[in-house]
């Protein structure tokens, strides 16, 4: 079986999680209540056969609050890791209006970027970044809308 492209980066990120933890790998082992030598072996990038199982991996993420290995895993799978806000609006109407406003801002930014140019003309990286920022804000507001729905406000 051939190695998955990018897997070395994943194992390196796990190792760095341990090294960057307060107290290093020994501090992480103590807080996870496992033997230090066991954790050292599991986080050693050159020995993927002894890597953490899924439950150990989740505990490690939870304890360290370091999601860099998730980001690497998502890149290996062709995506990207994005965290989600837990913010809610006071009521559903406010949440819907805010989401609508953010989506309107995407169109407004596009029109601003394209003012003075043909609609199909290329846009610069700076202009793309401005539009992407508006898209991120709209996604965040959709998350807030969804959270508000979930709590039944």
Foldseek 3Di string as FASTA:
>chain_A
DDDQPLVLVLLVLLQVLQCPAVVHLCVLCVVLVHDSVLSCQQSPSVCVVSHDDPVVVVSSCVVSVDCVSVQSVQVSVPHGDDDADLAADPALVVLVVQLVVLVVVLVVLLCVQCVPHDNPDDGDPVSVVVSVVSVVSSVRSVSRNVSNVVVPD
